């Protein structure tokens, strides 16, 4: 994916501070909870001798967006190395607010592209409205995120299943009541032989009790979201453009996967990400 200097193929001058170094710096900052670029470069002033080719803050911001796809491809390869043979997945969504509702009209995100602009949504778990995006994630039983996507906050969770049915086949997906739909369950099974398991509502005539191991396994994706909010500050936003926000989300999820991989190769529980660097 890169040349011998660690750079993606491109025209023009070859950068001395390679693309892999930009990704490594971004992931390291996220792992230590430094999500402010201003604060990051203030810390790096004490280590100028260790980074002789360090780029400026503006260049770092631009190249972080430029290398986002490379970072995501590396993350996918690492996720496959941890649990490539997984056939049971958990799906859920998490609100990603970008500002308070009172400031929504002044928000700069989405002014240039309405299709990727944030919107007003409702979170049933917290019983509140918010302005921003919604992070959809699909993880295995080991807790490794295999697929994810960002959508407007107003988009229903069930639409994410239409995106993943072409990438996954002959597997089981566990979801909450937000994914309850007989037509979608039938479509997933007929298209890709995906078995969608969701708990039934109490007032349904054909309802059945939830299989206890499935209910326990689905908690894994909720734990992942809690770790993303706690250690990687998922709900704190400093981005001024959509591409910047998307690049930050990719860095946060990639940093989480890196910590899980460090625990994996050291024969430690991969979920204990705070102990990975000890």
Protein backbone atom coordinates (compact mmCIF):
# COMPACT_ATOMS: atom_id res chain seq x y z
CA UNK A 1 0.00 0.00 0.00
CA UNK A 2 3.03 2.30 0.45
CA UNK A 3 6.52 2.61 -1.03
CA UNK A 4 9.85 1.97 0.70
CA UNK A 5 9.68 5.37 2.42
CA UNK A 6 6.22 4.75 3.83
CA UNK A 7 4.36 7.08 1.47
CA UNK A 8 1.32 6.51 -0.69
CA UNK A 9 2.00 6.83 -4.45
CA UNK A 10 1.61 10.46 -5.50
CA UNK A 11 2.97 13.03 -7.87
CA UNK A 12 5.27 15.84 -6.85
CA UNK A 13 7.77 16.17 -4.04
CA UNK A 14 8.21 13.14 -1.79
CA UNK A 15 7.50 14.19 1.83
CA UNK A 16 10.21 13.53 4.39
CA UNK A 17 7.65 12.98 7.15
CA UNK A 18 6.03 9.87 5.67
CA UNK A 19 2.34 9.00 5.51
CA UNK A 20 2.87 6.09 7.91
CA UNK A 21 4.43 8.49 10.41
CA UNK A 22 1.38 10.76 10.12
CA UNK A 23 -0.89 7.78 10.85
CA UNK A 24 1.31 6.61 13.72
CA UNK A 25 1.32 10.07 15.28
CA UNK A 26 -2.45 10.35 14.93
CA UNK A 27 -3.13 6.94 16.48
CA UNK A 28 -0.66 7.51 19.32
CA UNK A 29 -2.31 10.82 20.18
CA UNK A 30 -5.75 9.19 20.24
CA UNK A 31 -4.50 6.34 22.43
CA UNK A 32 -3.27 8.81 25.05
CA UNK A 33 -6.43 10.91 24.87
CA UNK A 34 -4.90 13.90 23.06
CA UNK A 35 -7.62 14.81 20.56
CA UNK A 36 -6.68 18.49 20.21
CA UNK A 37 -4.14 19.19 17.46
CA UNK A 38 -3.12 22.44 19.14
CA UNK A 39 -2.34 20.64 22.40
CA UNK A 40 -0.57 17.81 20.52
CA UNK A 41 1.89 20.14 18.80
CA UNK A 42 2.45 22.00 22.05
CA UNK A 43 3.55 18.70 23.59
CA UNK A 44 5.77 17.85 20.61
CA UNK A 45 7.83 21.01 21.12
CA UNK A 46 9.59 19.24 23.97
CA UNK A 47 10.67 16.42 21.61
CA UNK A 48 11.94 18.34 18.59
CA UNK A 49 15.13 16.28 18.46
CA UNK A 50 13.10 13.06 18.11
CA UNK A 51 11.14 14.44 15.13
CA UNK A 52 13.65 16.17 12.83
CA UNK A 53 11.22 16.13 9.88
CA UNK A 54 8.07 17.04 11.80
CA UNK A 55 5.54 18.89 9.67
CA UNK A 56 3.50 21.90 10.72
CA UNK A 57 0.10 21.69 12.36
CA UNK A 58 -1.65 22.77 9.14
CA UNK A 59 0.19 20.12 7.10
CA UNK A 60 -0.62 17.49 9.70
CA UNK A 61 -4.31 18.38 9.54
CA UNK A 62 -4.36 18.12 5.73
CA UNK A 63 -2.37 14.91 5.53
CA UNK A 64 -4.42 13.29 8.26
CA UNK A 65 -7.43 13.63 6.00
CA UNK A 66 -5.40 12.48 2.99
CA UNK A 67 -4.26 9.28 4.73
CA UNK A 68 -7.65 8.42 6.28
CA UNK A 69 -8.39 5.70 3.70
CA UNK A 70 -4.96 4.13 4.21
CA UNK A 71 -5.51 4.15 7.97
CA UNK A 72 -8.88 2.45 7.53
CA UNK A 73 -7.38 -0.26 5.29
CA UNK A 74 -4.69 -0.97 7.88
CA UNK A 75 -7.37 -1.21 10.56
CA UNK A 76 -9.36 -3.73 8.51
CA UNK A 77 -6.29 -5.92 8.06
CA UNK A 78 -5.61 -5.88 11.80
CA UNK A 79 -9.24 -6.71 12.59
CA UNK A 80 -9.07 -9.70 10.25
CA UNK A 81 -5.86 -10.86 11.93
CA UNK A 82 -7.58 -10.91 15.34
CA UNK A 83 -10.77 -12.82 14.43
CA UNK A 84 -11.03 -13.58 10.73
CA UNK A 85 -13.40 -16.55 11.12
CA UNK A 86 -16.14 -14.78 13.04
CA UNK A 87 -19.71 -15.64 11.99
CA UNK A 88 -21.71 -14.01 14.81
CA UNK A 89 -21.81 -10.21 14.96
CA UNK A 90 -23.47 -7.53 17.05
CA UNK A 91 -24.85 -4.31 15.57
CA UNK A 92 -25.76 -1.07 17.28
CA UNK A 93 -25.59 2.71 16.85
CA UNK A 94 -24.21 5.57 18.93
CA UNK A 95 -25.09 9.29 18.78
CA UNK A 96 -22.21 11.57 17.77
CA UNK A 97 -23.31 15.14 18.56
CA UNK A 98 -21.37 17.99 16.95
CA UNK A 99 -22.87 20.90 18.91
CA UNK A 100 -25.82 21.84 21.08
CA UNK A 101 -29.21 22.11 19.43
CA UNK A 102 -29.34 25.85 20.17
CA UNK A 103 -26.19 26.34 18.05
CA UNK A 104 -27.28 24.11 15.16
CA UNK A 105 -28.05 27.04 12.81
CA UNK A 106 -24.54 28.44 13.34
CA UNK A 107 -22.77 25.12 12.85
CA UNK A 108 -20.32 25.22 9.94
CA UNK A 109 -20.45 21.49 9.29
CA UNK A 110 -22.42 20.69 6.17
CA UNK A 111 -22.62 24.20 4.76
CA UNK A 112 -20.82 23.10 1.57
CA UNK A 113 -22.41 19.64 1.19
CA UNK A 114 -25.96 19.08 2.43
CA UNK A 115 -25.80 15.32 1.73
CA UNK A 116 -23.13 14.94 4.43
CA UNK A 117 -24.47 17.59 6.78
CA UNK A 118 -25.53 16.75 10.37
CA UNK A 119 -29.18 16.68 11.32
CA UNK A 120 -31.49 16.56 14.33
CA UNK A 121 -32.02 13.10 15.77
CA UNK A 122 -33.46 11.33 18.80
CA UNK A 123 -31.64 8.92 21.11
CA UNK A 124 -34.05 6.49 22.75
CA UNK A 125 -31.44 5.18 25.22
CA UNK A 126 -30.84 8.66 26.67
CA UNK A 127 -34.36 9.96 25.90
CA UNK A 128 -33.10 13.19 24.35
CA UNK A 129 -32.67 14.97 21.04
CA UNK A 130 -29.27 15.91 19.65
CA UNK A 131 -27.74 17.53 16.57
CA UNK A 132 -25.06 15.61 14.73
CA UNK A 133 -24.44 12.17 13.31
CA UNK A 134 -25.02 8.55 14.19
CA UNK A 135 -22.21 5.97 14.30
CA UNK A 136 -23.27 2.49 13.20
CA UNK A 137 -20.92 -0.37 14.06
CA UNK A 138 -20.77 -4.12 13.51
CA UNK A 139 -18.46 -6.04 15.85
CA UNK A 140 -17.67 -9.68 16.54
CA UNK A 141 -18.10 -11.53 19.81
CA UNK A 142 -14.47 -10.80 20.68
CA UNK A 143 -15.22 -7.08 20.57
CA UNK A 144 -13.42 -6.16 17.34
CA UNK A 145 -15.18 -3.68 15.05
CA UNK A 146 -15.35 -5.14 11.54
CA UNK A 147 -17.51 -2.53 9.84
CA UNK A 148 -18.86 0.91 10.67
CA UNK A 149 -20.42 3.94 9.03
CA UNK A 150 -21.59 7.46 9.83
CA UNK A 151 -25.03 8.72 8.89
CA UNK A 152 -27.23 11.68 9.68
CA UNK A 153 -28.77 11.56 13.12
CA UNK A 154 -32.25 11.39 11.57
CA UNK A 155 -31.51 8.18 9.64
CA UNK A 156 -33.07 5.06 11.16
CA UNK A 157 -30.74 2.32 12.40
CA UNK A 158 -32.24 -0.32 10.17
CA UNK A 159 -30.96 1.33 6.98
CA UNK A 160 -27.40 0.34 7.94
CA UNK A 161 -28.33 -3.32 7.47
CA UNK A 162 -29.00 -2.64 3.80
CA UNK A 163 -25.37 -1.56 3.42
CA UNK A 164 -23.74 -4.59 5.03
CA UNK A 165 -25.81 -7.33 3.43
CA UNK A 166 -23.53 -7.31 0.38
CA UNK A 167 -20.33 -7.62 2.46
CA UNK A 168 -21.34 -10.42 4.85
CA UNK A 169 -22.82 -13.82 4.08
CA UNK A 170 -24.05 -16.83 6.06
CA UNK A 171 -23.74 -15.27 9.49
CA UNK A 172 -25.84 -14.20 12.47
CA UNK A 173 -26.33 -10.57 13.47
CA UNK A 174 -27.62 -9.63 16.92
CA UNK A 175 -29.44 -6.33 17.33
CA UNK A 176 -31.78 -4.52 19.69
CA UNK A 177 -35.44 -3.63 19.15
CA UNK A 178 -34.47 -0.78 16.84
CA UNK A 179 -33.71 -3.35 14.13
CA UNK A 180 -37.02 -5.16 14.45
CA UNK A 181 -38.55 -5.59 10.98
CA UNK A 182 -39.97 -8.76 9.45
CA UNK A 183 -39.38 -7.54 5.89
CA UNK A 184 -35.72 -6.70 6.58
CA UNK A 185 -35.14 -10.04 8.29
CA UNK A 186 -36.55 -11.85 5.28
CA UNK A 187 -34.56 -9.74 2.82
CA UNK A 188 -31.27 -10.35 4.67
CA UNK A 189 -31.82 -14.09 4.72
CA UNK A 190 -32.86 -14.34 1.09
CA UNK A 191 -30.06 -12.08 -0.16
CA UNK A 192 -27.07 -13.21 1.90
CA UNK A 193 -28.35 -15.92 4.27
CA UNK A 194 -27.92 -13.53 7.19
CA UNK A 195 -29.94 -14.44 10.27
CA UNK A 196 -31.03 -11.31 12.14
CA UNK A 197 -31.82 -11.96 15.80
CA UNK A 198 -33.69 -9.18 17.63
CA UNK A 199 -35.81 -9.21 20.81
CA UNK A 200 -39.54 -9.08 20.25
CA UNK A 201 -41.84 -6.52 21.84
CA UNK A 202 -44.17 -7.64 24.59
CA UNK A 203 -47.32 -6.74 22.64
CA UNK A 204 -46.41 -8.79 19.56
CA UNK A 205 -48.64 -11.78 18.87
CA UNK A 206 -45.79 -13.96 17.58
CA UNK A 207 -43.32 -12.77 20.20
CA UNK A 208 -40.90 -15.17 21.83
CA UNK A 209 -38.47 -14.82 24.76
CA UNK A 210 -34.98 -13.58 23.98
CA UNK A 211 -32.27 -16.24 23.89
CA UNK A 212 -30.19 -15.43 26.99
CA UNK A 213 -26.72 -15.97 25.42
CA UNK A 214 -27.66 -13.64 22.54
CA UNK A 215 -28.76 -10.92 24.94
CA UNK A 216 -25.47 -11.21 26.83
CA UNK A 217 -23.37 -11.23 23.66
CA UNK A 218 -25.03 -8.06 22.35
CA UNK A 219 -23.68 -6.14 25.34
CA UNK A 220 -20.24 -6.34 23.74
CA UNK A 221 -20.94 -3.60 21.22
CA UNK A 222 -22.37 -1.38 23.96
CA UNK A 223 -19.14 -1.85 25.92
CA UNK A 224 -17.17 -0.78 22.86
CA UNK A 225 -19.18 2.41 22.55
CA UNK A 226 -18.61 3.14 26.24
CA UNK A 227 -14.86 2.75 25.73
CA UNK A 228 -14.99 5.02 22.70
CA UNK A 229 -16.75 7.73 24.71
CA UNK A 230 -14.60 7.32 27.82
CA UNK A 231 -11.03 6.87 26.53
CA UNK A 232 -11.28 8.23 22.98
CA UNK A 233 -13.80 11.02 23.68
CA UNK A 234 -16.04 10.16 20.76
CA UNK A 235 -18.63 12.81 21.62
CA UNK A 236 -16.13 15.69 21.79
CA UNK A 237 -15.81 17.48 18.48
CA UNK A 238 -13.17 19.95 17.28
CA UNK A 239 -13.70 19.48 13.53
CA UNK A 240 -14.79 22.34 11.29
CA UNK A 241 -15.57 20.22 8.20
CA UNK A 242 -17.20 16.85 7.61
CA UNK A 243 -14.03 15.32 6.15
CA UNK A 244 -12.15 16.36 9.29
CA UNK A 245 -14.75 14.76 11.55
CA UNK A 246 -14.73 11.56 9.51
CA UNK A 247 -10.91 11.42 9.67
CA UNK A 248 -11.05 11.79 13.46
CA UNK A 249 -13.61 8.99 13.78
CA UNK A 250 -11.40 6.71 11.66
CA UNK A 251 -8.40 7.52 13.87
CA UNK A 252 -10.33 6.80 17.07
CA UNK A 253 -11.64 3.42 15.88
CA UNK A 254 -8.23 2.49 14.43
CA UNK A 255 -6.52 3.38 17.71
CA UNK A 256 -9.01 1.15 19.55
CA UNK A 257 -8.24 -1.73 17.18
CA UNK A 258 -4.48 -1.22 17.62
CA UNK A 259 -4.79 -1.50 21.41
CA UNK A 260 -6.88 -4.65 21.02
CA UNK A 261 -4.22 -6.11 18.71
CA UNK A 262 -1.46 -5.36 21.24
CA UNK A 263 -3.42 -7.30 23.86
CA UNK A 264 -4.06 -10.06 21.33
CA UNK A 265 -0.40 -10.69 20.51
CA UNK A 266 0.51 -10.52 24.22
CA UNK A 267 -2.17 -13.10 25.16
CA UNK A 268 -4.15 -10.60 27.24
CA UNK A 269 -7.92 -9.95 27.22
CA UNK A 270 -8.36 -7.71 24.19
CA UNK A 271 -11.09 -5.70 25.88
CA UNK A 272 -8.72 -4.27 28.51
CA UNK A 273 -7.44 -1.50 26.28
CA UNK A 274 -6.33 0.77 29.13
CA UNK A 275 -3.77 -1.87 30.15
CA UNK A 276 -2.43 -2.53 26.64
CA UNK A 277 0.53 -0.13 26.87
CA UNK A 278 1.58 -1.04 30.43
